[in-house]
Structure formats: C-alpha cells, structure tokens
Amino acid sequence: MSANIAEMQKRRAGARMGGGQRRIDAQHAKGKLTARERLKVLLDEGSFEEVDTYVEHTCVDFGMLEQEKIPGDGVVTGSGTINGRLVFVYSQDFTVFGGAVSKTHAMKICKIMDAAMKVGAPVIGLNDSGGARIQEGVDALGGYAEIFQRNVLASGVVPQLSLIMGPCAGGAVYSPAMTDFIFMVKDSSYMFVTGPDVVKTVTNEVVTQEELGGAITHSSKTSVSDLALENDIEALLAARDFFDYLPLSNREDVPERPCADPWDRIEDSLDTIIPPSANQPYDMHEVIRKTVDEGEFFEVQPTFAGNIIIGFGRVEGRTIGVVANQPMVLAGVLDIDSSRKAARFVRFCDAFNIPIITFVDVPGFLPGTDQEHNGIIKHGAKLLFAYAEATVPKITVITRKAYGGAYDVMSSKHLRGDLNYAWPTAEIAVMGAKGAVEIIFRGLSGEEIAEKTREYEDRFANPFVAASRGYIDEVIYPHSTRRRIALGLRKLRNKQLENPWKKHDNIPL
C-alpha cells in the first residue's frame, strides 16, 4: 500500500509542476501567475477539488508521440467555493504546450461544464492559451466546437464568467464571447480572430497585439470585455467580488447577505441633486450609490458607452441589477452602443431572476447619419425588446427627462414596468419644449415662440400629466427613493409573470 501511495504522490507532484520549473519561471517573468496559482487566489482556501488530474493527450502525429506527455494536458479543472458557494472552474496552463487546446483538453472542460449544468452552479474559465493544438488538426477543432455547444446550452441556465489572462486568438475567442461576462488583464491578455501578422499580410495595416485586441481596446471600443484589470491578482479578486452578486443558477433566488444599512434610510442630498438648468449635468453614480446598500455598486463596462450605466448592487442585502442614463456623457442620450450594452445586461438579469432598477434621465435617441446608417433602429429595438420581454421585478425612477421613444424604451409602464416612480423634477413629453413648439407653431415670431414654449413647459415639464393617466404610479420625494425601492422589491418578491409559450424569441440582432 505504501508503494502505491508513494506512486500516487509522485504522479500528483508531477502534474502540479505542469510544464516544469523553467516554463513556470517564464510565466512569472511576464508578471503572470500559473494556472494553479490563479485558482488558489480565486477560490476559498483548501476548497479546490481537481478532476482529470492525470488525463493525457492521445495524439501521435507530427512528432507528438515523441513529446513528453504531461498529466492534465494543459488545463486544470474541478470545483471549489467562493465565500462558501459552489463554483466549477477550469484554468488553462500556458506552461503545457502553450495551453493549446487538444481533444482531451476540451473534453476536460466539457466535463466540468456538464457537471455545472446538472447541479446548477456557475462556471468560471481562466483563459491562457495559444489556441488549437495544430498537430491534432480537426480533433482540436472538434474539441472547441464541443465547448461552444456547451456554452450555448449553459447560457441562461448557469452564469458563465471568462477571465482572459493571456492569449486568446482564432476560434478560441468564441467560447468567452458566448459567456455572460469577460474580464481581461491589461498588457498581458488579448483577444482577436486574426493576429497582427495576418492583418498586415491581408490589409497592410501595422498594428500591435494590444491595439488590435488588448484589454483597453476591448473594454472601451468593442465592448467584448466588461472590465480591464491591472494584473492577475486584481482580476481574480474582482471575480470573487463579482461572484457574490450572482445566483448559482436560473433555479435559484438571488444571494442574500446580512445588511446593516437601514432599508428606509433618507438621503436629503438627493432633493437638490438635479441642477436648476435642464442643460446642466449631474452624476447618476451618486444617485445609484445613495440608493443601494452601503454605497456598494459593481459597475460593468464602465469605459464603454458611458452615457448609460449598468451594474450590480444590493437592497436589503439582495442583489439588484441597475440600468441608468448618465447625464454626464452625451446628456444621457441613447445611441447604438448604449442600447446594445444595456440590452444584454437586462437579458442577463431577466435570465437569472435579478430585479432590475432603472434610473431615467434621457433626452431621446442620438440623431445623425452615422447612427442611422449603422442601424440605430435595430440596435435601439434590442433594448426595447429586452425590457418588454423581461418578467423579473422592474422598478423605474424618472429623475429628470424622459422624452420621446426613449421614454417608452427605458422600462416604462407600457412595457410592464411594475412600479414606475418619478421625482417632481421629471419631464415626460414627446420632445423638449422649444423643439415641440417650433414644430407645432411654425411661422410665429420669436416672442410668440417663447410664450408658447413656457406654456408647453408648464403643461408637460412635470410628471403630473403622466401620473394623471396612471403611467406613473407615484411622484415621490427624491430623498425617499431607497425606501420606495426597498418596499417595492419586498412586494414584488413573489411576482409571477410568464410570456406566451414559444420555442424561443427572435430578438432583433
């Protein structure tokens, strides 16, 4: 027995060394952790249970038979806990064949994804791979496709989070792209379908890896990445914080944690946050942080489409999703990027039973040929579709402007908003007073236009017309916003609403 145990210890120690000390040192020299070191940071101490430790590749072509077979085959898989809650994980090991995906490597990932769906627990993938293992040809490509298929089947069933912590190129990018959220690491991770060399050959463009598909590019220009973190440690700790907001599956309720912040806390400063001039901005972050528990708000995609804010907070210790127009950027107008950004977030919240709180200050959709020619109609419809489809509790607070079709889109009562509140400063109308008057009363003098503008403002630059129609449930004091939302969420906790049966919808992609 002792000889058998010694053999097991020897094999396990070999597996833990991955590609060997030299390659581990090279990984550290780049400022990166190894696959197993990353899991130690991500998971609760001592909670990781590895599976398929001794799996090896089966390839015999192109010199692979002569290559040393390294147990694990370039990916560490298993399960563990984050703050005591179950999670399934895989961590690609760049020290073994550059983390390249083989048939058996893919099989290991598929196994833990299958297990996650069976028991109802999230999947976190730590990506650090040179791509498909070329020597395996179609077997490696088939392995990728098996992972893709599971990404699709798991979508809306269990939360999926991808951390890009090294290269992720070619077909490899499509697995993270189909997960719910992607975190990247600055200066050491990148994603692209074709690399700089191919780009130069085909288009004569000279571009660096970072410019083409680095963390800054994808978090600020393409929205492929939700966050760009400074290093491996920061990314892994952010993932731990983020995980605490997520339910384990679509069958579970949102997580709840003890909260000392009074549910009925009054925030008098909100009574004066709206500037006296309608053209002056204010920071919607302040409204959000003064509403959620202890001012804690985990913003997603903060550097992309800043005219809309999305992220997670808590009220009475329970997770909520927040969508809010941001008057500090483009006056909070809706455009292509902000519509896409918010629509995907709303659909995630709806899939996982997370109530949606919407703060509205929107002057309309952004005009211009650039927006029209790039499909603002279709992209704006995505946000409209997402809100209309959502059956989770929806509470809306109009703080200032709610003009035109953008009023409808932003979780209005007409899209089955459960509780729609307005501050006294709210203005709900087809458009701004001056523009409306110039259309209705063409040919009037400047003085007459000014008089009619004041008349229009008196009639519509307030929330009471909408309230008189029942489109606003109540005009509330800004200082009581948190209290109203907390009470609303309590009432809506057992909400039951189902859409008509269908195989699936056809969102305007």
Protein backbone atom coordinates (compact mmCIF):
# COMPACT_ATOMS: atom_id res chain seq x y z
CA MET A 1 0.00 0.00 0.00
CA SER A 2 2.77 2.45 0.90
CA ALA A 3 4.38 1.92 -2.53
CA ASN A 4 1.06 2.71 -4.23
CA ILE A 5 0.61 5.84 -2.16
CA ALA A 6 4.16 6.92 -2.97
CA GLU A 7 3.46 6.42 -6.69
CA MET A 8 0.29 8.49 -6.44
CA GLN A 9 2.15 11.27 -4.64
CA LYS A 10 4.85 11.22 -7.29
CA ARG A 11 2.33 11.45 -10.14
CA ARG A 12 0.37 14.17 -8.40
CA ALA A 13 3.54 16.20 -7.80
CA GLY A 14 4.42 15.80 -11.48
CA ALA A 15 1.02 17.04 -12.56
CA ARG A 16 1.29 20.08 -10.29
CA MET A 17 4.57 21.10 -11.91
CA GLY A 18 2.85 21.45 -15.29
CA GLY A 19 5.41 22.17 -17.99
CA GLY A 20 8.28 22.31 -15.49
CA GLN A 21 10.11 24.92 -13.46
CA ARG A 22 11.68 26.65 -16.46
CA ARG A 23 8.30 27.39 -18.02
CA ILE A 24 6.83 28.37 -14.65
CA ASP A 25 9.66 30.88 -14.24
CA ALA A 26 8.95 32.22 -17.73
CA GLN A 27 5.30 32.70 -16.79
CA HIS A 28 6.29 34.60 -13.65
CA ALA A 29 8.76 36.71 -15.63
CA LYS A 30 5.81 38.01 -17.69
CA GLY A 31 4.06 39.09 -14.49
CA LYS A 32 1.56 36.23 -14.78
CA LEU A 33 0.53 33.56 -12.31
CA THR A 34 0.41 29.89 -13.22
CA ALA A 35 -2.89 28.05 -13.71
CA ARG A 36 -2.86 26.57 -10.21
CA GLU A 37 -1.72 29.79 -8.53
CA ARG A 38 -4.68 31.56 -10.09
CA LEU A 39 -7.10 29.01 -8.68
CA LYS A 40 -5.59 29.50 -5.20
CA VAL A 41 -6.39 33.21 -5.38
CA LEU A 42 -9.85 32.75 -6.91
CA LEU A 43 -11.18 30.01 -4.64
CA ASP A 44 -11.59 29.70 -0.88
CA GLU A 45 -8.51 28.24 0.75
CA GLY A 46 -8.45 24.45 0.58
CA SER A 47 -11.75 24.21 -1.30
CA PHE A 48 -10.47 23.19 -4.75
CA GLU A 49 -11.19 19.61 -5.79
CA GLU A 50 -9.45 18.71 -9.02
CA VAL A 51 -10.74 16.22 -11.56
CA ASP A 52 -8.93 14.60 -14.51
CA THR A 53 -5.53 15.34 -12.99
CA TYR A 54 -3.83 12.54 -14.94
CA VAL A 55 -5.51 12.92 -18.35
CA GLU A 56 -3.01 12.91 -21.25
CA HIS A 57 -3.31 13.69 -24.94
CA THR A 58 -3.71 10.84 -27.43
CA CYS A 59 -2.16 12.48 -30.49
CA VAL A 60 0.53 10.51 -32.37
CA ASP A 61 1.03 12.78 -35.42
CA PHE A 62 3.71 15.37 -36.23
CA GLY A 63 6.14 14.37 -33.52
CA MET A 64 3.63 14.33 -30.66
CA LEU A 65 4.46 10.70 -29.95
CA GLU A 66 8.00 11.76 -29.02
CA GLN A 67 6.79 14.69 -26.91
CA GLU A 68 6.64 14.19 -23.17
CA LYS A 69 3.09 13.52 -22.04
CA ILE A 70 2.29 15.93 -19.24
CA PRO A 71 -0.58 14.92 -16.91
CA GLY A 72 -3.53 17.30 -17.17
CA ASP A 73 -2.80 18.16 -20.81
CA GLY A 74 -2.67 21.92 -20.36
CA VAL A 75 -5.79 22.63 -18.31
CA VAL A 76 -6.63 22.30 -14.61
CA THR A 77 -10.30 21.51 -14.00
CA GLY A 78 -12.50 20.96 -10.99
CA SER A 79 -14.74 22.70 -8.48
CA GLY A 80 -14.40 24.76 -5.34
CA THR A 81 -16.14 27.50 -3.42
CA ILE A 82 -16.08 31.29 -3.37
CA ASN A 83 -17.20 32.61 0.01
CA GLY A 84 -18.70 29.18 0.64
CA ARG A 85 -20.72 28.95 -2.60
CA LEU A 86 -20.08 26.23 -5.19
CA VAL A 87 -18.40 27.05 -8.50
CA PHE A 88 -16.92 24.95 -11.30
CA VAL A 89 -13.65 26.14 -12.79
CA TYR A 90 -11.10 25.48 -15.47
CA SER A 91 -7.72 27.14 -15.72
CA GLN A 92 -5.62 26.78 -18.85
CA ASP A 93 -1.94 26.09 -18.22
CA PHE A 94 0.30 28.02 -20.59
CA THR A 95 3.34 26.08 -19.36
CA VAL A 96 2.00 22.92 -21.07
CA PHE A 97 2.10 23.18 -24.88
CA GLY A 98 1.31 26.90 -24.55
CA GLY A 99 -2.11 25.99 -23.16
CA ALA A 100 -3.09 24.79 -26.64
CA VAL A 101 -6.44 23.00 -26.78
CA SER A 102 -6.39 19.32 -27.71
CA LYS A 103 -9.26 16.86 -27.90
CA THR A 104 -8.64 15.68 -24.33
CA HIS A 105 -8.06 19.24 -23.06
CA ALA A 106 -11.50 20.18 -24.45
CA MET A 107 -13.03 17.01 -23.01
CA LYS A 108 -11.92 18.06 -19.53
CA ILE A 109 -13.56 21.48 -19.89
CA CYS A 110 -16.75 19.93 -21.26
CA LYS A 111 -16.93 17.53 -18.33
CA ILE A 112 -16.99 20.27 -15.70
CA MET A 113 -19.46 22.35 -17.75
CA ASP A 114 -21.78 19.35 -17.92
CA ALA A 115 -21.45 18.88 -14.17
CA ALA A 116 -22.18 22.57 -13.54
CA MET A 117 -25.42 22.38 -15.53
CA LYS A 118 -26.50 19.18 -13.77
CA VAL A 119 -26.14 20.58 -10.26
CA GLY A 120 -26.83 24.25 -11.03
CA ALA A 121 -23.61 26.14 -10.33
CA PRO A 122 -21.68 28.86 -12.22
CA VAL A 123 -18.68 28.19 -14.44
CA ILE A 124 -15.56 30.38 -14.37
CA GLY A 125 -12.98 29.86 -17.10
CA LEU A 126 -9.41 31.20 -16.80
CA ASN A 127 -8.21 31.50 -20.39
CA ASP A 128 -4.49 31.47 -21.23
CA SER A 129 -3.98 29.52 -24.43
CA GLY A 130 -2.13 29.65 -27.73
CA GLY A 131 -5.22 28.29 -29.49
CA ALA A 132 -5.99 24.93 -31.05
CA ARG A 133 -3.23 22.32 -30.94
CA ILE A 134 -2.14 22.32 -34.58
CA GLN A 135 -0.79 18.77 -34.53
CA GLU A 136 -4.28 17.41 -33.80
CA GLY A 137 -5.97 19.12 -36.72
CA VAL A 138 -9.72 18.57 -36.85
CA ASP A 139 -9.74 16.78 -33.48
CA ALA A 140 -8.72 20.04 -31.80
CA LEU A 141 -11.30 21.99 -33.80
CA GLY A 142 -13.94 19.45 -32.81
CA GLY A 143 -12.94 19.92 -29.18
CA TYR A 144 -13.52 23.65 -29.48
CA ALA A 145 -16.93 23.09 -31.03
CA GLU A 146 -17.88 20.78 -28.14
CA ILE A 147 -17.05 23.62 -25.73
CA PHE A 148 -19.04 26.12 -27.85
CA GLN A 149 -22.06 23.85 -27.80
CA ARG A 150 -21.98 23.72 -24.01
CA ASN A 151 -21.56 27.49 -23.75
CA VAL A 152 -24.80 27.81 -25.68
CA LEU A 153 -26.67 25.17 -23.68
CA ALA A 154 -25.47 26.67 -20.38
CA SER A 155 -26.48 30.21 -21.40
CA GLY A 156 -29.33 31.35 -19.17
CA VAL A 157 -29.02 28.16 -17.08
CA VAL A 158 -25.89 28.91 -15.04
CA PRO A 159 -23.84 32.12 -15.00
CA GLN A 160 -20.64 31.90 -17.06
CA LEU A 161 -17.65 34.17 -16.43
CA SER A 162 -14.46 34.25 -18.52
CA LEU A 163 -11.17 35.70 -17.30
CA ILE A 164 -8.76 36.32 -20.17
CA MET A 165 -5.30 36.13 -18.59
CA GLY A 166 -3.11 35.57 -21.62
CA PRO A 167 -3.52 34.99 -25.36
CA CYS A 168 -6.93 34.06 -26.72
CA ALA A 169 -6.90 34.01 -30.52
CA GLY A 170 -8.61 32.47 -33.51
CA GLY A 171 -11.56 30.21 -32.80
CA ALA A 172 -10.71 30.29 -29.08
CA VAL A 173 -12.31 33.74 -28.75
CA TYR A 174 -15.80 32.43 -29.40
CA SER A 175 -16.14 30.49 -26.18
CA PRO A 176 -15.57 33.56 -23.96
CA ALA A 177 -17.70 35.63 -26.34
CA MET A 178 -20.69 33.40 -25.58
CA THR A 179 -20.24 33.60 -21.80
CA ASP A 180 -22.08 36.22 -19.78
CA PHE A 181 -19.13 38.39 -18.71
CA ILE A 182 -15.48 38.76 -19.67
CA PHE A 183 -12.71 40.27 -17.53
CA MET A 184 -9.32 40.97 -19.14
CA VAL A 185 -5.87 41.85 -17.78
CA LYS A 186 -4.08 44.90 -19.13
CA ASP A 187 -0.83 44.37 -21.07
CA SER A 188 -0.87 40.58 -20.72
CA SER A 189 -4.13 39.39 -22.29
CA TYR A 190 -5.56 39.84 -25.75
CA MET A 191 -8.37 38.53 -27.94
CA PHE A 192 -8.62 38.59 -31.72
CA VAL A 193 -9.79 36.35 -34.55
CA THR A 194 -6.68 37.06 -36.64
CA GLY A 195 -3.39 38.32 -35.21
CA PRO A 196 -1.28 41.32 -36.23
CA ASP A 197 0.82 39.32 -38.71
CA VAL A 198 -2.22 38.12 -40.66
CA VAL A 199 -3.74 41.60 -40.55
CA LYS A 200 -0.55 43.05 -42.03
CA THR A 201 -0.42 40.41 -44.76
CA VAL A 202 -4.05 40.84 -45.81
CA THR A 203 -4.69 44.57 -45.28
CA ASN A 204 -1.18 46.07 -44.94
CA GLU A 205 -2.20 47.51 -41.57
CA VAL A 206 0.55 47.58 -38.95
CA VAL A 207 -0.93 47.08 -35.50
CA THR A 208 0.27 45.73 -32.18
CA GLN A 209 -1.43 42.92 -30.27
CA GLU A 210 -2.51 45.40 -27.61
CA GLU A 211 -4.01 47.84 -30.13
CA LEU A 212 -5.73 45.06 -32.04
CA GLY A 213 -7.21 43.10 -29.17
CA GLY A 214 -5.86 44.18 -25.79
CA ALA A 215 -7.86 44.77 -22.62
CA ILE A 216 -8.16 48.55 -23.16
CA THR A 217 -9.36 48.08 -26.74
CA HIS A 218 -11.99 45.53 -25.83
CA SER A 219 -13.25 47.30 -22.72
CA SER A 220 -13.51 50.78 -24.26
CA LYS A 221 -14.06 50.32 -28.02
CA THR A 222 -15.64 46.95 -28.79
CA SER A 223 -17.46 46.04 -25.53
CA VAL A 224 -16.14 42.48 -25.88
CA SER A 225 -14.65 42.82 -22.39
CA ASP A 226 -16.61 44.03 -19.38
CA LEU A 227 -13.61 45.05 -17.26
CA ALA A 228 -9.90 45.69 -17.80
CA LEU A 229 -7.90 44.93 -14.64
CA GLU A 230 -4.31 45.82 -13.84
CA ASN A 231 -2.92 42.32 -13.16
CA ASP A 232 -3.84 38.70 -12.45
CA ILE A 233 -4.40 39.26 -8.73
CA GLU A 234 -6.71 42.22 -9.25
CA ALA A 235 -8.71 40.33 -11.89
CA LEU A 236 -9.15 37.27 -9.67
CA LEU A 237 -10.17 39.31 -6.62
CA ALA A 238 -12.64 41.27 -8.77
CA ALA A 239 -14.08 37.94 -9.93
CA ARG A 240 -14.57 36.89 -6.29
CA ASP A 241 -16.45 40.13 -5.52
CA PHE A 242 -18.48 39.84 -8.70
CA PHE A 243 -19.42 36.22 -7.99
CA ASP A 244 -21.11 37.27 -4.74
CA TYR A 245 -23.79 39.14 -6.72
CA LEU A 246 -24.74 36.17 -8.89
CA PRO A 247 -27.32 33.46 -8.19
CA LEU A 248 -25.99 29.94 -8.62
CA SER A 249 -28.38 29.13 -11.45
CA ASN A 250 -31.69 30.08 -13.04
CA ARG A 251 -33.42 27.85 -10.49
CA GLU A 252 -32.03 29.76 -7.51
CA ASP A 253 -33.03 33.06 -5.96
CA VAL A 254 -30.56 35.93 -5.78
CA PRO A 255 -27.97 35.63 -2.99
CA GLU A 256 -28.69 37.43 0.25
CA ARG A 257 -26.25 38.65 2.84
CA PRO A 258 -26.63 40.49 6.17
CA CYS A 259 -27.03 44.25 5.80
CA ALA A 260 -26.78 46.93 8.48
CA ASP A 261 -27.82 49.75 6.12
CA PRO A 262 -31.40 50.79 7.08
CA TRP A 263 -33.90 49.99 4.32
CA ASP A 264 -35.68 53.31 4.96
CA ARG A 265 -32.56 55.47 5.05
CA ILE A 266 -33.36 59.04 3.98
CA GLU A 267 -30.95 60.79 1.61
CA ASP A 268 -31.76 64.51 1.81
CA SER A 269 -28.96 65.37 -0.63
CA LEU A 270 -30.96 63.79 -3.47
CA ASP A 271 -33.56 66.55 -3.12
CA THR A 272 -31.04 69.04 -4.51
CA ILE A 273 -29.01 66.88 -6.91
CA ILE A 274 -30.94 67.96 -10.03
CA PRO A 275 -29.42 71.26 -11.28
CA PRO A 276 -31.66 74.30 -11.79
CA SER A 277 -30.92 74.36 -15.53
CA ALA A 278 -32.17 71.49 -17.70
CA ASN A 279 -28.91 71.70 -19.67
CA GLN A 280 -26.68 71.10 -16.65
CA PRO A 281 -25.46 67.55 -15.98
CA TYR A 282 -25.15 65.68 -12.69
CA ASP A 283 -23.56 62.34 -11.90
CA MET A 284 -26.06 59.48 -11.88
CA HIS A 285 -23.48 57.38 -9.98
CA GLU A 286 -24.30 59.49 -6.94
CA VAL A 287 -27.99 58.64 -7.19
CA ILE A 288 -27.19 54.93 -7.53
CA ARG A 289 -24.71 54.79 -4.64
CA LYS A 290 -27.06 56.68 -2.33
CA THR A 291 -29.82 54.18 -3.12
CA VAL A 292 -28.03 50.81 -2.82
CA ASP A 293 -26.74 49.16 0.36
CA GLU A 294 -23.70 50.88 1.87
CA GLY A 295 -22.95 52.65 -1.43
CA GLU A 296 -21.55 49.45 -2.97
CA PHE A 297 -22.04 49.28 -6.73
CA PHE A 298 -20.19 46.89 -9.05
CA GLU A 299 -20.21 48.66 -12.41
CA VAL A 300 -19.83 46.65 -15.61
CA GLN A 301 -18.35 48.12 -18.82
CA PRO A 302 -17.55 51.46 -17.14
CA THR A 303 -15.36 52.69 -20.03
CA PHE A 304 -17.70 51.77 -22.90
CA ALA A 305 -20.82 53.78 -23.83
CA GLY A 306 -20.57 55.96 -20.74
CA ASN A 307 -23.95 57.53 -21.50
CA ILE A 308 -25.55 54.51 -19.84
CA ILE A 309 -24.53 52.84 -16.56
CA ILE A 310 -25.04 49.15 -15.82
CA GLY A 311 -24.00 47.05 -12.86
CA PHE A 312 -24.99 45.26 -9.69
CA GLY A 313 -25.86 46.50 -6.22
CA ARG A 314 -27.91 45.28 -3.27
CA VAL A 315 -31.01 46.45 -1.48
CA GLU A 316 -31.70 44.86 1.92
CA GLY A 317 -28.81 42.51 1.22
CA ARG A 318 -30.29 41.09 -2.01
CA THR A 319 -28.80 41.55 -5.48
CA ILE A 320 -30.35 44.01 -7.94
CA GLY A 321 -29.34 44.97 -11.46
CA VAL A 322 -29.12 48.70 -12.18
CA VAL A 323 -29.54 50.43 -15.55
CA ALA A 324 -29.24 54.22 -15.56
CA ASN A 325 -28.85 57.02 -18.09
CA GLN A 326 -25.77 59.14 -17.35
CA PRO A 327 -26.32 62.88 -17.95
CA MET A 328 -22.55 63.47 -17.65
CA VAL A 329 -21.94 61.75 -21.03
CA LEU A 330 -23.80 62.90 -24.17
CA ALA A 331 -26.55 64.18 -21.85
CA GLY A 332 -27.56 60.54 -21.24
CA VAL A 333 -28.87 60.09 -24.78
CA LEU A 334 -29.48 56.58 -26.11
CA ASP A 335 -27.34 55.53 -29.07
CA ILE A 336 -26.22 52.29 -30.71
CA ASP A 337 -23.55 51.39 -28.17
CA SER A 338 -25.56 52.22 -25.06
CA SER A 339 -28.59 50.32 -26.37
CA ARG A 340 -26.54 47.17 -27.03
CA LYS A 341 -24.76 47.47 -23.70
CA ALA A 342 -27.92 47.79 -21.64
CA ALA A 343 -29.96 45.25 -23.62
CA ARG A 344 -27.57 42.40 -22.97
CA PHE A 345 -27.41 43.30 -19.28
CA VAL A 346 -31.20 43.42 -18.95
CA ARG A 347 -31.47 39.98 -20.57
CA PHE A 348 -28.87 38.56 -18.18
CA CYS A 349 -30.76 39.90 -15.18
CA ASP A 350 -34.03 38.50 -16.50
CA ALA A 351 -32.48 35.08 -17.16
CA PHE A 352 -31.25 34.81 -13.58
CA ASN A 353 -34.16 36.30 -11.62
CA ILE A 354 -32.34 39.52 -10.72
CA PRO A 355 -34.73 42.50 -10.22
CA ILE A 356 -33.99 45.48 -12.47
CA ILE A 357 -33.91 49.05 -11.16
CA THR A 358 -33.90 51.70 -13.90
CA PHE A 359 -32.99 55.36 -13.35
CA VAL A 360 -34.16 57.50 -16.25
CA ASP A 361 -32.86 60.84 -17.48
CA VAL A 362 -32.93 60.53 -21.25
CA PRO A 363 -33.46 63.30 -23.84
CA GLY A 364 -34.08 60.77 -26.63
CA PHE A 365 -32.11 58.83 -29.22
CA LEU A 366 -28.95 60.32 -30.71
CA PRO A 367 -29.69 61.82 -34.15
CA GLY A 368 -27.37 61.80 -37.18
CA THR A 369 -26.48 59.90 -40.33
CA ASP A 370 -23.78 57.92 -38.55
CA GLN A 371 -26.31 56.49 -36.11
CA GLU A 372 -29.00 55.89 -38.74
CA HIS A 373 -26.67 54.27 -41.25
CA ASN A 374 -25.20 51.99 -38.60
CA GLY A 375 -28.61 50.72 -37.56
CA ILE A 376 -29.83 52.70 -34.55
CA ILE A 377 -33.33 51.42 -35.34
CA LYS A 378 -32.35 47.76 -34.94
CA HIS A 379 -29.95 48.39 -32.04
CA GLY A 380 -32.40 50.60 -30.15
CA ALA A 381 -35.01 47.89 -30.64
CA LYS A 382 -32.74 45.46 -28.77
CA LEU A 383 -33.12 47.45 -25.56
CA LEU A 384 -36.84 47.86 -26.11
CA PHE A 385 -37.17 44.12 -26.74
CA ALA A 386 -35.12 43.22 -23.66
CA TYR A 387 -37.22 45.35 -21.29
CA ALA A 388 -40.52 44.24 -22.85
CA GLU A 389 -39.53 40.57 -22.62
CA ALA A 390 -38.28 40.72 -19.02
CA THR A 391 -40.56 39.16 -16.40
CA VAL A 392 -38.46 39.88 -13.29
CA PRO A 393 -39.48 42.71 -10.92
CA LYS A 394 -38.92 46.04 -12.67
CA ILE A 395 -38.86 49.35 -10.80
CA THR A 396 -38.29 52.60 -12.69
CA VAL A 397 -37.43 56.03 -11.31
CA ILE A 398 -37.57 59.02 -13.68
CA THR A 399 -35.30 61.68 -12.23
CA ARG A 400 -35.49 64.32 -14.95
CA LYS A 401 -36.02 63.99 -18.72
CA ALA A 402 -37.93 61.15 -20.35
CA TYR A 403 -38.51 62.25 -23.92
CA GLY A 404 -39.87 60.55 -26.99
CA GLY A 405 -39.43 56.90 -27.80
CA ALA A 406 -36.63 56.75 -25.23
CA TYR A 407 -39.28 57.24 -22.51
CA ASP A 408 -41.04 54.11 -23.77
CA VAL A 409 -37.83 52.10 -24.06
CA MET A 410 -36.50 52.77 -20.56
CA SER A 411 -38.72 50.30 -18.69
CA SER A 412 -41.90 52.37 -18.96
CA LYS A 413 -45.24 51.29 -17.51
CA HIS A 414 -46.27 50.33 -21.05
CA LEU A 415 -43.51 47.66 -21.12
CA ARG A 416 -44.91 46.02 -17.98
CA GLY A 417 -42.94 48.10 -15.52
CA ASP A 418 -44.18 47.01 -12.09
CA LEU A 419 -43.57 50.24 -10.18
CA ASN A 420 -42.87 53.44 -12.09
CA TYR A 421 -41.94 56.41 -9.95
CA ALA A 422 -41.00 59.96 -10.87
CA TRP A 423 -39.26 62.72 -8.98
CA PRO A 424 -41.01 66.14 -9.00
CA THR A 425 -38.26 67.29 -11.40
CA ALA A 426 -39.31 64.74 -14.05
CA GLU A 427 -40.30 65.92 -17.53
CA ILE A 428 -42.23 63.38 -19.61
CA ALA A 429 -43.03 64.52 -23.14
CA VAL A 430 -42.62 63.69 -26.81
CA MET A 431 -39.69 66.11 -27.01
CA GLY A 432 -38.17 69.21 -25.44
CA ALA A 433 -40.45 72.24 -25.18
CA LYS A 434 -38.65 74.51 -27.66
CA GLY A 435 -38.41 71.88 -30.38
CA ALA A 436 -42.03 70.86 -29.90
CA VAL A 437 -43.31 74.43 -30.11
CA GLU A 438 -41.29 75.20 -33.25
CA ILE A 439 -42.95 72.22 -34.95
CA ILE A 440 -46.48 72.85 -33.69
CA PHE A 441 -46.46 76.63 -34.22
CA ARG A 442 -44.46 77.22 -37.36
CA GLY A 443 -44.18 80.83 -38.51
CA LEU A 444 -44.65 82.52 -35.14
CA SER A 445 -42.40 85.35 -34.02
CA GLY A 446 -39.61 84.90 -31.51
CA GLU A 447 -41.73 86.37 -28.70
CA GLU A 448 -44.67 84.15 -29.52
CA ILE A 449 -42.42 81.09 -29.66
CA ALA A 450 -41.02 81.95 -26.22
CA GLU A 451 -44.53 82.32 -24.80
CA LYS A 452 -45.71 79.03 -26.30
CA THR A 453 -42.53 77.35 -25.01
CA ARG A 454 -43.33 78.47 -21.46
CA GLU A 455 -46.90 77.23 -21.94
CA TYR A 456 -45.63 73.83 -23.17
CA GLU A 457 -43.21 73.58 -20.24
CA ASP A 458 -45.98 74.36 -17.76
CA ARG A 459 -48.09 71.64 -19.34
CA PHE A 460 -45.50 68.89 -19.87
CA ALA A 461 -42.26 69.70 -18.00
CA ASN A 462 -43.55 67.84 -14.98
CA PRO A 463 -44.58 64.28 -14.09
CA PHE A 464 -48.20 65.01 -13.23
CA VAL A 465 -49.79 64.56 -16.65
CA ALA A 466 -48.32 61.06 -16.89
CA ALA A 467 -49.34 60.42 -13.28
CA SER A 468 -52.90 61.51 -14.05
CA ARG A 469 -53.02 58.84 -16.77
CA GLY A 470 -51.68 56.13 -14.44
CA TYR A 471 -48.42 55.81 -16.37
CA ILE A 472 -46.55 56.93 -13.25
CA ASP A 473 -47.57 55.13 -10.06
CA GLU A 474 -46.45 57.90 -7.75
CA VAL A 475 -44.49 61.13 -7.74
CA ILE A 476 -42.03 60.65 -4.88
CA TYR A 477 -39.62 62.74 -2.86
CA PRO A 478 -36.07 62.08 -4.14
CA HIS A 479 -34.86 61.59 -0.56
CA SER A 480 -37.20 58.58 -0.15
CA THR A 481 -36.02 56.74 -3.28
CA ARG A 482 -34.23 53.96 -1.38
CA ARG A 483 -37.23 53.41 0.89
CA ARG A 484 -39.63 53.19 -2.06
CA ILE A 485 -37.40 50.74 -3.93
CA ALA A 486 -36.91 48.55 -0.86
CA LEU A 487 -40.65 48.38 -0.22
CA GLY A 488 -41.31 47.73 -3.90
CA LEU A 489 -38.85 44.85 -4.02
CA ARG A 490 -40.46 43.31 -0.93
CA LYS A 491 -43.87 43.45 -2.59
CA LEU A 492 -42.59 42.03 -5.85
CA ARG A 493 -40.58 39.17 -4.34
CA ASN A 494 -43.23 36.61 -5.24
CA LYS A 495 -44.13 38.16 -8.60
CA GLN A 496 -45.36 35.65 -11.15
CA LEU A 497 -45.47 36.53 -14.83
CA GLU A 498 -44.91 34.32 -17.84
CA ASN A 499 -44.56 35.16 -21.50
CA PRO A 500 -46.58 33.19 -24.08
CA TRP A 501 -45.09 29.77 -24.87
CA LYS A 502 -42.56 29.80 -27.68
CA LYS A 503 -39.55 27.77 -28.74
CA HIS A 504 -37.53 30.99 -28.44
CA ASP A 505 -37.94 34.60 -29.38
CA ASN A 506 -36.31 36.39 -32.31
CA ILE A 507 -34.61 39.42 -30.81
CA PRO A 508 -33.60 41.99 -33.47
CA LEU A 509 -29.92 41.14 -33.70
